[in-house]
Protein backbone atom coordinates (compact mmCIF):
# COMPACT_ATOMS: atom_id res chain seq x y z
CA MET A 1 106.34 102.96 84.73
CA ILE A 2 104.09 105.71 86.10
CA HIS A 3 104.38 107.08 89.63
CA PHE A 4 101.24 107.77 91.57
CA ALA A 5 101.27 109.04 95.15
CA ASN A 6 105.00 108.26 95.30
CA LYS A 7 104.33 104.63 94.39
CA ALA A 8 105.44 102.97 91.17
CA ILE A 9 102.71 101.55 88.96
CA TYR A 10 104.23 98.99 86.64
CA GLY A 11 103.14 98.20 83.11
CA ALA A 12 101.91 101.67 82.27
CA ALA A 13 100.54 102.14 78.77
CA PRO A 14 102.96 103.61 76.22
CA ALA A 15 103.26 107.40 76.52
CA THR A 16 102.57 107.81 72.80
CA ASN A 17 98.90 107.05 73.50
CA HIS A 18 98.60 110.23 75.63
CA VAL A 19 96.34 108.44 78.10
CA PRO A 20 97.88 107.98 81.53
CA ALA A 21 96.97 104.44 82.48
CA GLY A 22 98.30 101.81 84.82
CA VAL A 23 97.99 98.14 84.02
CA HIS A 24 99.37 94.80 85.02
CA LEU A 25 98.77 91.43 83.38
CA ASP A 26 99.00 88.91 86.21
CA THR A 27 98.24 85.85 84.12
CA ALA A 28 98.08 85.43 80.37
CA ASP A 29 98.17 81.82 79.25
CA ALA A 30 96.18 79.38 77.14
CA THR A 31 93.26 79.34 79.62
CA THR A 32 93.06 82.64 81.54
CA VAL A 33 93.96 86.31 81.26
CA ASN A 34 93.69 88.47 84.35
CA GLY A 35 95.15 91.62 85.80
CA TRP A 36 94.17 95.18 86.53
CA ALA A 37 93.79 98.45 84.61
CA VAL A 38 93.09 102.03 85.64
CA ASP A 39 92.83 105.42 83.94
CA LEU A 40 94.95 107.64 86.18
CA ASN A 41 92.76 110.64 85.30
CA MET A 42 89.62 108.84 86.54
CA LEU A 43 90.69 106.71 89.48
CA ASN A 44 87.17 106.05 90.78
CA THR A 45 85.76 104.91 87.43
CA PRO A 46 86.22 101.36 86.06
CA VAL A 47 87.70 101.27 82.58
CA PHE A 48 86.55 99.04 79.75
CA VAL A 49 89.12 96.40 78.84
CA SER A 50 89.06 94.21 75.75
CA MET A 51 91.14 91.30 74.52
CA ASP A 52 91.86 90.03 71.05
CA ILE A 53 93.60 86.87 69.96
CA ASP A 54 95.46 87.00 66.65
CA GLY A 55 93.63 90.25 65.87
CA VAL A 56 90.15 88.80 66.43
CA PRO A 57 88.03 90.23 69.30
CA ALA A 58 87.75 87.56 72.00
CA ALA A 59 86.38 89.18 75.18
CA SER A 60 85.61 92.50 76.86
CA SER A 61 84.56 93.68 80.29
CA PHE A 62 84.84 96.54 82.73
CA ALA A 63 87.90 96.30 84.97
CA SER A 64 85.83 96.45 88.15
CA GLU A 65 86.69 93.30 90.10
CA PRO A 66 88.05 93.84 93.64
CA ARG A 67 91.85 93.93 93.87
CA PRO A 68 92.83 94.43 97.55
CA ASP A 69 96.50 94.32 96.52
CA LEU A 70 96.05 97.78 94.94
CA ALA A 71 95.13 99.44 98.24
CA THR A 72 98.65 100.81 98.76
CA LEU A 73 98.83 102.17 95.19
CA LEU A 74 95.39 103.58 94.44
CA PRO A 75 92.53 105.18 96.36
CA THR A 76 90.08 102.55 95.03
CA THR A 77 90.70 98.85 94.45
CA ASP A 78 87.95 97.80 92.02
CA HIS A 79 90.14 97.70 88.90
CA GLY A 80 90.60 93.97 88.24
CA PHE A 81 89.64 92.04 85.12
CA SER A 82 89.55 88.39 84.17
CA PHE A 83 88.92 86.67 80.83
CA THR A 84 88.66 83.03 79.87
CA VAL A 85 90.57 82.18 76.71
CA PRO A 86 88.32 80.42 74.17
CA THR A 87 88.86 76.67 74.05
CA THR A 88 88.48 76.72 70.26
CA LEU A 89 92.03 77.97 69.64
CA SER A 90 94.07 75.85 67.29
CA PRO A 91 97.31 74.32 68.60
CA GLY A 92 100.36 76.56 68.42
CA PRO A 93 101.31 80.09 69.49
CA HIS A 94 98.76 82.91 69.43
CA ALA A 95 99.18 86.67 69.94
CA LEU A 96 96.94 87.90 72.75
CA ASN A 97 96.50 91.68 73.06
CA VAL A 98 94.76 93.62 75.84
CA TYR A 99 93.36 97.14 75.34
CA LEU A 100 91.82 99.85 77.50
CA ASN A 101 88.92 101.80 75.99
CA LYS A 102 88.77 105.31 77.38
CA GLY A 103 85.01 105.80 77.27
CA VAL A 104 84.92 109.59 77.54
CA THR A 105 87.15 110.18 74.50
CA GLY A 106 86.83 106.80 72.78
CA GLU A 107 90.61 106.40 72.72
CA ILE A 108 91.87 102.83 72.56
CA VAL A 109 95.10 102.23 74.47
CA TRP A 110 97.13 99.10 73.86
CA LEU A 111 98.06 97.69 77.27
CA GLY A 112 100.21 94.75 76.29
CA GLN A 113 100.72 91.57 74.34
CA ARG A 114 101.57 88.04 75.33
CA VAL A 115 102.14 85.01 73.17
CA ILE A 116 100.13 82.08 74.46
């Protein structure tokens, strides 16, 4: 957990990545992945988020969708992302990973994993 402006931001990226980031996966299931991500050093800049399934790239986008629920945590609220899970997945469990790409340095920060 990272604190910003005396507010807790849950789901922060692991400290070993040396990139202060806040993230939350709201939904991660067999059809949809959505949540929000922010680089705490660049609060006004959308970050690039990517998703892989079982280690295979599946989707990527800027986290720039409006998230009014972030208004009490962050000075800007355009940090949401949403991905559609491919319908071609075989039956059974799959490892879904979400990453933040810090464009300035090129660092890739693992944000979390869910089994879908």
